[in-house]
C-alpha atoms as a PDB file:
ATOM      1  CA  UNK A   1     -15.162   5.129  -7.246  1.00  0.00           C
ATOM      2  CA  UNK A   2     -12.851   5.585 -10.149  1.00  0.00           C
ATOM      3  CA  UNK A   3      -9.755   4.657  -8.400  1.00  0.00           C
ATOM      4  CA  UNK A   4     -11.685   1.692  -6.628  1.00  0.00           C
ATOM      5  CA  UNK A   5     -12.598   0.270  -9.677  1.00  0.00           C
ATOM      6  CA  UNK A   6      -8.902   0.448 -11.134  1.00  0.00           C
ATOM      7  CA  UNK A   7      -7.495  -1.664  -8.057  1.00  0.00           C
ATOM      8  CA  UNK A   8     -10.120  -4.168  -8.734  1.00  0.00           C
ATOM      9  CA  UNK A   9      -9.722  -3.824 -12.890  1.00  0.00           C
ATOM     10  CA  UNK A  10      -5.557  -4.404 -12.324  1.00  0.00           C
ATOM     11  CA  UNK A  11      -6.127  -7.658 -10.399  1.00  0.00           C
ATOM     12  CA  UNK A  12      -4.564  -5.741  -6.878  1.00  0.00           C
ATOM     13  CA  UNK A  13      -5.638  -8.424  -4.769  1.00  0.00           C
ATOM     14  CA  UNK A  14      -7.258 -11.845  -4.629  1.00  0.00           C
ATOM     15  CA  UNK A  15     -10.190 -13.160  -2.827  1.00  0.00           C
ATOM     16  CA  UNK A  16      -9.852 -16.323  -0.874  1.00  0.00           C
ATOM     17  CA  UNK A  17     -11.382 -18.141   1.965  1.00  0.00           C
ATOM     18  CA  UNK A  18     -10.179 -17.591   5.403  1.00  0.00           C
ATOM     19  CA  UNK A  19      -8.373 -21.116   6.866  1.00  0.00           C
ATOM     20  CA  UNK A  20      -9.960 -21.932   9.954  1.00  0.00           C
ATOM     21  CA  UNK A  21      -7.233 -21.813  11.765  1.00  0.00           C
ATOM     22  CA  UNK A  22      -6.141 -18.019  11.261  1.00  0.00           C
ATOM     23  CA  UNK A  23      -7.796 -15.056  12.671  1.00  0.00           C
ATOM     24  CA  UNK A  24      -8.858 -11.889   9.899  1.00  0.00           C
ATOM     25  CA  UNK A  25      -6.635  -8.790   9.919  1.00  0.00           C
ATOM     26  CA  UNK A  26      -8.845  -5.873   9.765  1.00  0.00           C
ATOM     27  CA  UNK A  27      -8.457  -3.031   7.109  1.00  0.00           C
ATOM     28  CA  UNK A  28      -9.921   0.354   6.461  1.00  0.00           C
ATOM     29  CA  UNK A  29      -9.832   2.291   3.082  1.00  0.00           C
ATOM     30  CA  UNK A  30      -7.671   5.535   3.464  1.00  0.00           C
ATOM     31  CA  UNK A  31      -8.979   8.180   0.851  1.00  0.00           C
ATOM     32  CA  UNK A  32      -6.704  11.304  -0.173  1.00  0.00           C
ATOM     33  CA  UNK A  33      -7.117  14.025  -2.481  1.00  0.00           C
ATOM     34  CA  UNK A  34      -4.640  15.351  -4.613  1.00  0.00           C
ATOM     35  CA  UNK A  35      -4.222  19.298  -5.204  1.00  0.00           C
ATOM     36  CA  UNK A  36      -2.303  20.637  -7.795  1.00  0.00           C
ATOM     37  CA  UNK A  37      -0.269  23.741  -7.104  1.00  0.00           C
ATOM     38  CA  UNK A  38      -2.926  26.440  -7.562  1.00  0.00           C
ATOM     39  CA  UNK A  39      -5.070  24.419  -4.537  1.00  0.00           C
ATOM     40  CA  UNK A  40      -7.778  22.984  -7.518  1.00  0.00           C
ATOM     41  CA  UNK A  41      -8.618  19.137  -6.826  1.00  0.00           C
ATOM     42  CA  UNK A  42      -6.150  17.213  -9.292  1.00  0.00           C
ATOM     43  CA  UNK A  43      -7.429  13.649  -8.218  1.00  0.00           C
ATOM     44  CA  UNK A  44      -8.960  11.284  -5.564  1.00  0.00           C
ATOM     45  CA  UNK A  45      -7.163   8.552  -4.603  1.00  0.00           C
ATOM     46  CA  UNK A  46      -7.593   5.364  -2.449  1.00  0.00           C
ATOM     47  CA  UNK A  47      -5.991   2.657  -0.840  1.00  0.00           C
ATOM     48  CA  UNK A  48      -6.529  -0.023   1.492  1.00  0.00           C
ATOM     49  CA  UNK A  49      -4.651  -0.288   4.291  1.00  0.00           C
ATOM     50  CA  UNK A  50      -4.157  -3.496   6.687  1.00  0.00           C
ATOM     51  CA  UNK A  51      -4.227  -3.046  10.404  1.00  0.00           C
ATOM     52  CA  UNK A  52      -1.553  -5.177  10.856  1.00  0.00           C
ATOM     53  CA  UNK A  53      -0.856  -4.095  14.464  1.00  0.00           C
ATOM     54  CA  UNK A  54      -3.175  -6.986  15.189  1.00  0.00           C
ATOM     55  CA  UNK A  55      -0.941  -9.554  13.727  1.00  0.00           C
ATOM     56  CA  UNK A  56       1.954 -12.067  15.489  1.00  0.00           C
ATOM     57  CA  UNK A  57       4.945 -12.709  13.276  1.00  0.00           C
ATOM     58  CA  UNK A  58       5.139 -16.533  12.646  1.00  0.00           C
ATOM     59  CA  UNK A  59       1.553 -16.853  13.177  1.00  0.00           C
ATOM     60  CA  UNK A  60      -0.178 -14.561  10.964  1.00  0.00           C
ATOM     61  CA  UNK A  61       2.400 -13.820   8.616  1.00  0.00           C
ATOM     62  CA  UNK A  62       6.257 -14.924   7.663  1.00  0.00           C
ATOM     63  CA  UNK A  63       7.117 -11.695   5.700  1.00  0.00           C
ATOM     64  CA  UNK A  64       6.234  -8.471   4.882  1.00  0.00           C
ATOM     65  CA  UNK A  65       4.184  -8.062   2.081  1.00  0.00           C
ATOM     66  CA  UNK A  66       3.769  -4.626  -0.312  1.00  0.00           C
ATOM     67  CA  UNK A  67       6.435  -2.610   0.381  1.00  0.00           C
ATOM     68  CA  UNK A  68       6.388   0.858  -0.733  1.00  0.00           C
ATOM     69  CA  UNK A  69       9.499   2.739  -1.949  1.00  0.00           C
ATOM     70  CA  UNK A  70       9.169   6.609  -2.920  1.00  0.00           C
ATOM     71  CA  UNK A  71      10.948   7.767  -5.833  1.00  0.00           C
ATOM     72  CA  UNK A  72      12.910  10.377  -3.900  1.00  0.00           C
ATOM     73  CA  UNK A  73      13.992   7.211  -1.434  1.00  0.00           C
ATOM     74  CA  UNK A  74      15.420   5.687  -4.396  1.00  0.00           C
ATOM     75  CA  UNK A  75      17.250   8.917  -6.123  1.00  0.00           C
ATOM     76  CA  UNK A  76      18.554   9.392  -2.707  1.00  0.00           C
ATOM     77  CA  UNK A  77      20.153   5.730  -2.199  1.00  0.00           C
ATOM     78  CA  UNK A  78      21.211   6.014  -6.028  1.00  0.00           C
ATOM     79  CA  UNK A  79      23.070   9.049  -5.443  1.00  0.00           C
ATOM     80  CA  UNK A  80      24.680   7.921  -2.142  1.00  0.00           C
ATOM     81  CA  UNK A  81      25.713   4.721  -4.556  1.00  0.00           C
ATOM     82  CA  UNK A  82      27.120   6.852  -7.350  1.00  0.00           C
ATOM     83  CA  UNK A  83      28.963   9.349  -5.049  1.00  0.00           C
ATOM     84  CA  UNK A  84      30.568   6.404  -2.960  1.00  0.00           C
ATOM     85  CA  UNK A  85      31.344   4.262  -5.995  1.00  0.00           C
END
């Protein structure tokens, strides 16, 4: 509940009315338990995931939203850029 309250408190999304000519994209909550190195529970995480397989490009969306980049991916890209000038 703490993680979900943080998402709402940070204004992660806005509630809007559905346009009449659009269909609703489904979603689901994904719950994860983060563990410390000694297998004790560090914290609980939750995220809302859109079921975008029900969408059609050009009808339901025009661009990709909420792109995610992991820190390790950014480090690799920066390392390659530095090594190749």
